[in-house]
C-alpha atoms as a PDB file:
ATOM      1  CA  UNK A   1       0.107   0.043  -0.003  1.00  0.00           C
ATOM      2  CA  UNK A   2       1.222   3.540  -1.058  1.00  0.00           C
ATOM      3  CA  UNK A   3       1.214   5.766   1.812  1.00  0.00           C
ATOM      4  CA  UNK A   4       0.366   9.558   1.189  1.00  0.00           C
ATOM      5  CA  UNK A   5      -0.248  12.789   3.201  1.00  0.00           C
ATOM      6  CA  UNK A   6      -2.485  15.877   2.419  1.00  0.00           C
ATOM      7  CA  UNK A   7      -3.830  18.848   4.377  1.00  0.00           C
ATOM      8  CA  UNK A   8      -7.338  17.983   4.031  1.00  0.00           C
ATOM      9  CA  UNK A   9      -8.811  21.275   5.338  1.00  0.00           C
ATOM     10  CA  UNK A  10      -7.921  24.386   7.182  1.00  0.00           C
ATOM     11  CA  UNK A  11      -9.746  27.344   9.258  1.00  0.00           C
ATOM     12  CA  UNK A  12      -8.812  29.638   6.524  1.00  0.00           C
ATOM     13  CA  UNK A  13     -11.416  31.898   5.063  1.00  0.00           C
ATOM     14  CA  UNK A  14     -12.558  29.882   1.768  1.00  0.00           C
ATOM     15  CA  UNK A  15     -13.579  31.155  -1.817  1.00  0.00           C
ATOM     16  CA  UNK A  16     -17.229  31.447  -0.698  1.00  0.00           C
ATOM     17  CA  UNK A  17     -16.306  33.563   2.891  1.00  0.00           C
ATOM     18  CA  UNK A  18     -16.702  30.225   4.977  1.00  0.00           C
ATOM     19  CA  UNK A  19     -14.461  28.846   7.303  1.00  0.00           C
ATOM     20  CA  UNK A  20     -14.154  25.892   8.974  1.00  0.00           C
ATOM     21  CA  UNK A  21     -14.114  25.872  12.931  1.00  0.00           C
ATOM     22  CA  UNK A  22     -11.185  23.810  14.807  1.00  0.00           C
ATOM     23  CA  UNK A  23     -13.966  22.007  16.250  1.00  0.00           C
ATOM     24  CA  UNK A  24     -15.269  20.670  12.646  1.00  0.00           C
ATOM     25  CA  UNK A  25     -11.558  19.657  12.105  1.00  0.00           C
ATOM     26  CA  UNK A  26     -11.137  17.690  15.235  1.00  0.00           C
ATOM     27  CA  UNK A  27     -14.395  16.109  14.262  1.00  0.00           C
ATOM     28  CA  UNK A  28     -13.085  15.039  11.186  1.00  0.00           C
ATOM     29  CA  UNK A  29      -9.841  13.727  12.653  1.00  0.00           C
ATOM     30  CA  UNK A  30     -11.811  11.991  15.286  1.00  0.00           C
ATOM     31  CA  UNK A  31     -14.253  10.038  12.360  1.00  0.00           C
ATOM     32  CA  UNK A  32     -10.942   9.214  10.451  1.00  0.00           C
ATOM     33  CA  UNK A  33      -9.279   7.369  14.008  1.00  0.00           C
ATOM     34  CA  UNK A  34     -12.590   5.648  14.592  1.00  0.00           C
ATOM     35  CA  UNK A  35     -13.787   4.002  11.469  1.00  0.00           C
ATOM     36  CA  UNK A  36     -12.344   3.008   7.999  1.00  0.00           C
ATOM     37  CA  UNK A  37     -13.312   6.277   5.253  1.00  0.00           C
ATOM     38  CA  UNK A  38     -12.750   5.426   1.721  1.00  0.00           C
ATOM     39  CA  UNK A  39     -10.616   7.672  -0.533  1.00  0.00           C
ATOM     40  CA  UNK A  40     -12.763   7.580  -3.789  1.00  0.00           C
ATOM     41  CA  UNK A  41     -12.242   8.570  -7.545  1.00  0.00           C
ATOM     42  CA  UNK A  42     -15.093  11.279  -8.209  1.00  0.00           C
ATOM     43  CA  UNK A  43     -17.046  10.875  -5.441  1.00  0.00           C
ATOM     44  CA  UNK A  44     -18.073   7.533  -6.402  1.00  0.00           C
ATOM     45  CA  UNK A  45     -18.319   4.643  -3.833  1.00  0.00           C
ATOM     46  CA  UNK A  46     -17.974   2.039  -6.100  1.00  0.00           C
ATOM     47  CA  UNK A  47     -14.405   3.343  -7.341  1.00  0.00           C
ATOM     48  CA  UNK A  48     -12.505   3.270  -4.038  1.00  0.00           C
ATOM     49  CA  UNK A  49      -8.538   3.270  -4.483  1.00  0.00           C
ATOM     50  CA  UNK A  50      -7.999   3.616  -0.924  1.00  0.00           C
ATOM     51  CA  UNK A  51      -8.497   4.279   2.712  1.00  0.00           C
ATOM     52  CA  UNK A  52      -8.046   7.559   5.211  1.00  0.00           C
ATOM     53  CA  UNK A  53      -5.730   6.037   8.171  1.00  0.00           C
ATOM     54  CA  UNK A  54      -5.028   8.824  10.313  1.00  0.00           C
ATOM     55  CA  UNK A  55      -5.942  12.278  11.193  1.00  0.00           C
ATOM     56  CA  UNK A  56      -4.469  15.363  13.147  1.00  0.00           C
ATOM     57  CA  UNK A  57      -5.398  18.794  13.697  1.00  0.00           C
ATOM     58  CA  UNK A  58      -1.922  20.715  13.804  1.00  0.00           C
ATOM     59  CA  UNK A  59      -1.341  24.340  14.233  1.00  0.00           C
ATOM     60  CA  UNK A  60      -0.154  26.665  11.342  1.00  0.00           C
ATOM     61  CA  UNK A  61       2.440  29.509  11.566  1.00  0.00           C
ATOM     62  CA  UNK A  62       0.049  32.002  10.770  1.00  0.00           C
ATOM     63  CA  UNK A  63      -2.048  31.343  13.844  1.00  0.00           C
ATOM     64  CA  UNK A  64      -5.072  29.029  11.983  1.00  0.00           C
ATOM     65  CA  UNK A  65      -5.150  25.417  12.061  1.00  0.00           C
ATOM     66  CA  UNK A  66      -4.902  22.514   9.491  1.00  0.00           C
ATOM     67  CA  UNK A  67      -6.317  19.124   9.416  1.00  0.00           C
ATOM     68  CA  UNK A  68      -3.528  16.821   8.290  1.00  0.00           C
ATOM     69  CA  UNK A  69      -4.491  13.284   6.875  1.00  0.00           C
ATOM     70  CA  UNK A  70      -2.550   9.959   6.046  1.00  0.00           C
ATOM     71  CA  UNK A  71      -3.965   7.949   3.044  1.00  0.00           C
ATOM     72  CA  UNK A  72      -3.419   4.687   1.900  1.00  0.00           C
ATOM     73  CA  UNK A  73      -3.784   3.564  -1.708  1.00  0.00           C
ATOM     74  CA  UNK A  74      -4.263  -0.015  -2.553  1.00  0.00           C
ATOM     75  CA  UNK A  75      -1.769  -1.631  -4.528  1.00  0.00           C
ATOM     76  CA  UNK A  76      -3.957  -5.131  -4.471  1.00  0.00           C
ATOM     77  CA  UNK A  77      -7.439  -6.393  -3.800  1.00  0.00           C
ATOM     78  CA  UNK A  78      -6.026  -8.115  -1.072  1.00  0.00           C
ATOM     79  CA  UNK A  79      -5.422  -5.076   0.842  1.00  0.00           C
ATOM     80  CA  UNK A  80      -8.504  -3.830   0.247  1.00  0.00           C
ATOM     81  CA  UNK A  81      -9.973  -6.562   1.980  1.00  0.00           C
ATOM     82  CA  UNK A  82      -8.288  -5.469   5.161  1.00  0.00           C
ATOM     83  CA  UNK A  83      -9.976  -2.044   5.603  1.00  0.00           C
ATOM     84  CA  UNK A  84     -13.876  -2.575   5.287  1.00  0.00           C
ATOM     85  CA  UNK A  85     -15.794   0.789   5.130  1.00  0.00           C
ATOM     86  CA  UNK A  86     -17.445   1.641   8.559  1.00  0.00           C
ATOM     87  CA  UNK A  87     -15.268  -0.958  10.516  1.00  0.00           C
ATOM     88  CA  UNK A  88     -12.883   0.364  13.505  1.00  0.00           C
ATOM     89  CA  UNK A  89      -9.876   2.111  12.804  1.00  0.00           C
ATOM     90  CA  UNK A  90      -7.466  -0.424  14.619  1.00  0.00           C
ATOM     91  CA  UNK A  91      -4.296   0.751  12.916  1.00  0.00           C
ATOM     92  CA  UNK A  92      -4.367   4.502  13.336  1.00  0.00           C
ATOM     93  CA  UNK A  93      -1.486   4.661  15.524  1.00  0.00           C
ATOM     94  CA  UNK A  94       0.936   2.932  13.167  1.00  0.00           C
ATOM     95  CA  UNK A  95       0.532   6.024  10.894  1.00  0.00           C
ATOM     96  CA  UNK A  96       1.125   8.779  13.511  1.00  0.00           C
ATOM     97  CA  UNK A  97       5.418   9.184  12.700  1.00  0.00           C
ATOM     98  CA  UNK A  98       3.988  10.253   8.769  1.00  0.00           C
ATOM     99  CA  UNK A  99       2.586  13.537  10.237  1.00  0.00           C
ATOM    100  CA  UNK A 100       5.609  14.013  11.905  1.00  0.00           C
ATOM    101  CA  UNK A 101       7.496  14.002   8.992  1.00  0.00           C
ATOM    102  CA  UNK A 102       4.816  15.760   6.905  1.00  0.00           C
ATOM    103  CA  UNK A 103       4.552  18.718   9.455  1.00  0.00           C
ATOM    104  CA  UNK A 104       8.265  19.054   8.840  1.00  0.00           C
ATOM    105  CA  UNK A 105       7.784  19.190   5.128  1.00  0.00           C
ATOM    106  CA  UNK A 106       5.541  21.729   5.125  1.00  0.00           C
ATOM    107  CA  UNK A 107       8.002  24.420   6.981  1.00  0.00           C
ATOM    108  CA  UNK A 108      10.131  24.170   4.084  1.00  0.00           C
ATOM    109  CA  UNK A 109      10.499  25.883   0.806  1.00  0.00           C
ATOM    110  CA  UNK A 110       8.267  24.587  -1.959  1.00  0.00           C
ATOM    111  CA  UNK A 111      11.136  23.433  -4.264  1.00  0.00           C
ATOM    112  CA  UNK A 112      12.373  21.359  -1.297  1.00  0.00           C
ATOM    113  CA  UNK A 113       8.883  19.485  -0.540  1.00  0.00           C
ATOM    114  CA  UNK A 114       9.936  16.290  -1.530  1.00  0.00           C
ATOM    115  CA  UNK A 115       9.630  13.222   0.577  1.00  0.00           C
ATOM    116  CA  UNK A 116      12.337  11.176  -1.596  1.00  0.00           C
ATOM    117  CA  UNK A 117       9.762   8.676  -2.298  1.00  0.00           C
ATOM    118  CA  UNK A 118       8.344   8.124   1.075  1.00  0.00           C
ATOM    119  CA  UNK A 119       5.451  10.776   1.253  1.00  0.00           C
ATOM    120  CA  UNK A 120       4.150  12.756  -1.840  1.00  0.00           C
ATOM    121  CA  UNK A 121       4.456  16.180  -1.626  1.00  0.00           C
ATOM    122  CA  UNK A 122       1.655  17.857   0.707  1.00  0.00           C
ATOM    123  CA  UNK A 123       0.334  20.215  -1.446  1.00  0.00           C
ATOM    124  CA  UNK A 124       0.442  17.905  -4.524  1.00  0.00           C
ATOM    125  CA  UNK A 125      -2.544  16.240  -4.107  1.00  0.00           C
ATOM    126  CA  UNK A 126      -5.720  18.231  -3.047  1.00  0.00           C
ATOM    127  CA  UNK A 127      -8.042  15.917  -4.505  1.00  0.00           C
ATOM    128  CA  UNK A 128      -7.451  14.155  -1.183  1.00  0.00           C
ATOM    129  CA  UNK A 129      -8.801  17.357   0.422  1.00  0.00           C
ATOM    130  CA  UNK A 130     -11.673  17.557  -1.739  1.00  0.00           C
ATOM    131  CA  UNK A 131     -12.559  13.837  -1.576  1.00  0.00           C
ATOM    132  CA  UNK A 132     -12.645  13.974   2.151  1.00  0.00           C
ATOM    133  CA  UNK A 133     -14.611  17.113   2.382  1.00  0.00           C
ATOM    134  CA  UNK A 134     -17.121  15.489   0.017  1.00  0.00           C
ATOM    135  CA  UNK A 135     -17.203  12.020   1.841  1.00  0.00           C
ATOM    136  CA  UNK A 136     -17.619  13.534   5.485  1.00  0.00           C
ATOM    137  CA  UNK A 137     -20.008  16.251   4.585  1.00  0.00           C
ATOM    138  CA  UNK A 138     -22.601  13.962   2.587  1.00  0.00           C
ATOM    139  CA  UNK A 139     -22.401  10.657   4.172  1.00  0.00           C
ATOM    140  CA  UNK A 140     -23.146   9.025   7.405  1.00  0.00           C
ATOM    141  CA  UNK A 141     -22.091   5.363   9.027  1.00  0.00           C
ATOM    142  CA  UNK A 142     -24.912   3.491  10.415  1.00  0.00           C
ATOM    143  CA  UNK A 143     -24.436   1.324  13.545  1.00  0.00           C
ATOM    144  CA  UNK A 144     -24.046  -1.853  11.581  1.00  0.00           C
ATOM    145  CA  UNK A 145     -21.164  -0.335   9.136  1.00  0.00           C
ATOM    146  CA  UNK A 146     -23.325   0.958   6.146  1.00  0.00           C
ATOM    147  CA  UNK A 147     -22.814   3.859   4.393  1.00  0.00           C
ATOM    148  CA  UNK A 148     -25.729   6.427   3.437  1.00  0.00           C
ATOM    149  CA  UNK A 149     -25.441   9.571   1.639  1.00  0.00           C
ATOM    150  CA  UNK A 150     -27.351  12.927   2.925  1.00  0.00           C
ATOM    151  CA  UNK A 151     -27.381  16.343   1.736  1.00  0.00           C
ATOM    152  CA  UNK A 152     -24.305  17.936   0.031  1.00  0.00           C
ATOM    153  CA  UNK A 153     -23.348  21.628   0.573  1.00  0.00           C
ATOM    154  CA  UNK A 154     -22.054  23.043  -2.491  1.00  0.00           C
ATOM    155  CA  UNK A 155     -22.133  27.127  -1.708  1.00  0.00           C
ATOM    156  CA  UNK A 156     -23.316  30.038   0.014  1.00  0.00           C
ATOM    157  CA  UNK A 157     -24.474  33.434  -0.909  1.00  0.00           C
ATOM    158  CA  UNK A 158     -25.634  35.753   1.676  1.00  0.00           C
ATOM    159  CA  UNK A 159     -27.945  33.502   3.745  1.00  0.00           C
ATOM    160  CA  UNK A 160     -29.093  31.634   1.299  1.00  0.00           C
ATOM    161  CA  UNK A 161     -27.250  27.833   0.972  1.00  0.00           C
ATOM    162  CA  UNK A 162     -27.067  25.669  -2.418  1.00  0.00           C
ATOM    163  CA  UNK A 163     -27.646  22.069  -1.548  1.00  0.00           C
ATOM    164  CA  UNK A 164     -28.139  18.861  -3.406  1.00  0.00           C
ATOM    165  CA  UNK A 165     -29.979  16.029  -1.689  1.00  0.00           C
ATOM    166  CA  UNK A 166     -29.337  12.231  -2.400  1.00  0.00           C
ATOM    167  CA  UNK A 167     -31.252  10.554  -5.586  1.00  0.00           C
ATOM    168  CA  UNK A 168     -33.513  13.603  -5.837  1.00  0.00           C
ATOM    169  CA  UNK A 169     -36.825  13.175  -8.132  1.00  0.00           C
ATOM    170  CA  UNK A 170     -37.335  14.788 -11.201  1.00  0.00           C
ATOM    171  CA  UNK A 171     -36.807  17.097 -12.853  1.00  0.00           C
ATOM    172  CA  UNK A 172     -33.268  17.609 -12.138  1.00  0.00           C
ATOM    173  CA  UNK A 173     -32.854  20.280  -9.467  1.00  0.00           C
ATOM    174  CA  UNK A 174     -30.996  21.789  -6.379  1.00  0.00           C
ATOM    175  CA  UNK A 175     -32.324  23.036  -3.147  1.00  0.00           C
ATOM    176  CA  UNK A 176     -31.759  26.602  -2.287  1.00  0.00           C
ATOM    177  CA  UNK A 177     -32.400  27.219   1.603  1.00  0.00           C
ATOM    178  CA  UNK A 178     -32.324  29.756   4.246  1.00  0.00           C
ATOM    179  CA  UNK A 179     -32.719  28.745   8.080  1.00  0.00           C
ATOM    180  CA  UNK A 180     -33.367  32.855   9.061  1.00  0.00           C
ATOM    181  CA  UNK A 181     -35.934  32.844   6.977  1.00  0.00           C
ATOM    182  CA  UNK A 182     -37.371  29.032   6.537  1.00  0.00           C
ATOM    183  CA  UNK A 183     -36.889  29.014   2.910  1.00  0.00           C
ATOM    184  CA  UNK A 184     -36.486  25.600   0.804  1.00  0.00           C
ATOM    185  CA  UNK A 185     -36.788  26.361  -3.046  1.00  0.00           C
ATOM    186  CA  UNK A 186     -36.183  24.255  -5.901  1.00  0.00           C
ATOM    187  CA  UNK A 187     -34.031  25.425  -8.901  1.00  0.00           C
ATOM    188  CA  UNK A 188     -33.637  23.620 -12.269  1.00  0.00           C
ATOM    189  CA  UNK A 189     -30.221  22.058 -12.531  1.00  0.00           C
ATOM    190  CA  UNK A 190     -29.776  22.705 -16.014  1.00  0.00           C
ATOM    191  CA  UNK A 191     -31.743  26.359 -16.475  1.00  0.00           C
ATOM    192  CA  UNK A 192     -30.860  27.617 -12.961  1.00  0.00           C
ATOM    193  CA  UNK A 193     -34.887  28.738 -13.149  1.00  0.00           C
ATOM    194  CA  UNK A 194     -36.885  28.859 -10.023  1.00  0.00           C
ATOM    195  CA  UNK A 195     -39.226  25.803 -10.108  1.00  0.00           C
ATOM    196  CA  UNK A 196     -41.253  26.261  -6.618  1.00  0.00           C
ATOM    197  CA  UNK A 197     -40.723  26.082  -2.890  1.00  0.00           C
ATOM    198  CA  UNK A 198     -41.527  23.455  -0.162  1.00  0.00           C
ATOM    199  CA  UNK A 199     -41.419  26.395   2.636  1.00  0.00           C
ATOM    200  CA  UNK A 200     -40.865  29.905   2.876  1.00  0.00           C
ATOM    201  CA  UNK A 201     -40.980  32.764   0.464  1.00  0.00           C
ATOM    202  CA  UNK A 202     -38.212  33.117  -1.974  1.00  0.00           C
ATOM    203  CA  UNK A 203     -38.339  36.787  -3.402  1.00  0.00           C
ATOM    204  CA  UNK A 204     -37.245  37.943  -7.069  1.00  0.00           C
ATOM    205  CA  UNK A 205     -34.038  39.171  -5.972  1.00  0.00           C
ATOM    206  CA  UNK A 206     -33.141  35.700  -4.096  1.00  0.00           C
ATOM    207  CA  UNK A 207     -33.863  34.314  -7.737  1.00  0.00           C
ATOM    208  CA  UNK A 208     -31.407  36.517  -9.365  1.00  0.00           C
ATOM    209  CA  UNK A 209     -29.131  36.169  -6.641  1.00  0.00           C
ATOM    210  CA  UNK A 210     -28.913  32.682  -7.360  1.00  0.00           C
ATOM    211  CA  UNK A 211     -28.502  32.930 -11.245  1.00  0.00           C
ATOM    212  CA  UNK A 212     -25.914  35.666 -11.091  1.00  0.00           C
ATOM    213  CA  UNK A 213     -24.023  33.503  -8.643  1.00  0.00           C
ATOM    214  CA  UNK A 214     -23.280  30.909 -11.155  1.00  0.00           C
ATOM    215  CA  UNK A 215     -22.863  32.928 -13.812  1.00  0.00           C
ATOM    216  CA  UNK A 216     -19.849  34.737 -12.015  1.00  0.00           C
ATOM    217  CA  UNK A 217     -18.563  31.137 -10.418  1.00  0.00           C
ATOM    218  CA  UNK A 218     -18.784  28.568 -13.563  1.00  0.00           C
ATOM    219  CA  UNK A 219     -16.384  26.300 -11.103  1.00  0.00           C
ATOM    220  CA  UNK A 220     -19.713  26.371  -8.509  1.00  0.00           C
ATOM    221  CA  UNK A 221     -21.919  25.628 -11.005  1.00  0.00           C
ATOM    222  CA  UNK A 222     -19.622  22.742 -12.292  1.00  0.00           C
ATOM    223  CA  UNK A 223     -19.159  21.154  -8.835  1.00  0.00           C
ATOM    224  CA  UNK A 224     -22.818  21.502  -8.584  1.00  0.00           C
ATOM    225  CA  UNK A 225     -23.513  19.118 -11.677  1.00  0.00           C
ATOM    226  CA  UNK A 226     -20.845  17.055 -10.418  1.00  0.00           C
ATOM    227  CA  UNK A 227     -22.244  16.496  -7.325  1.00  0.00           C
ATOM    228  CA  UNK A 228     -26.027  16.045  -8.155  1.00  0.00           C
ATOM    229  CA  UNK A 229     -24.980  13.244 -10.607  1.00  0.00           C
ATOM    230  CA  UNK A 230     -22.585  11.363  -7.692  1.00  0.00           C
ATOM    231  CA  UNK A 231     -25.499  12.102  -5.298  1.00  0.00           C
ATOM    232  CA  UNK A 232     -27.739  10.336  -7.815  1.00  0.00           C
ATOM    233  CA  UNK A 233     -26.124   6.751  -7.961  1.00  0.00           C
END
């Protein structure tokens, strides 16, 4: 099994003007140390390529915090059988030392962030961070070890949250919610047109705000469609 490390998430402000709390990162690290969480290709539970083995929150030089993770990439089918999803993670202590090494690498210059074959460059594989965020945010593990999908947060603009629900009914759509105003509205996935509301009242300005958000953030629209496809499997 090939061992890799990455910074999965930090408490820095992201592109959507949101930030993860230190306690949220610590919760993710605890999940990783408690049960086996898969590393996937394009968030597809049918395409598992590895497993997350260890996670720990460490402080950064600027006063913020980061969740560092160690993952193992399977090199044979027999390796995969040893890490059944949802089963207790009984090996995490064996991989703690990889993050000690990774932390030292993170303090060096970019052209020296090579582990000479032992570890990948910490910033070379951001897909691990994306996969971890998507998996933890959109799945839960039942007591019997089975994994099921919950709604997936995509982005936010003002008090409006854009979300995708698993295996939602046709027509293809996403949800726009607001806890402050009790809104749960449906918008067409391909047209971005307002469909109807399950609760609350959507203003014309809200509709325009959502449409304008995706017009000015095409990467968010791509993420929305990708997550809709993943959550529909």
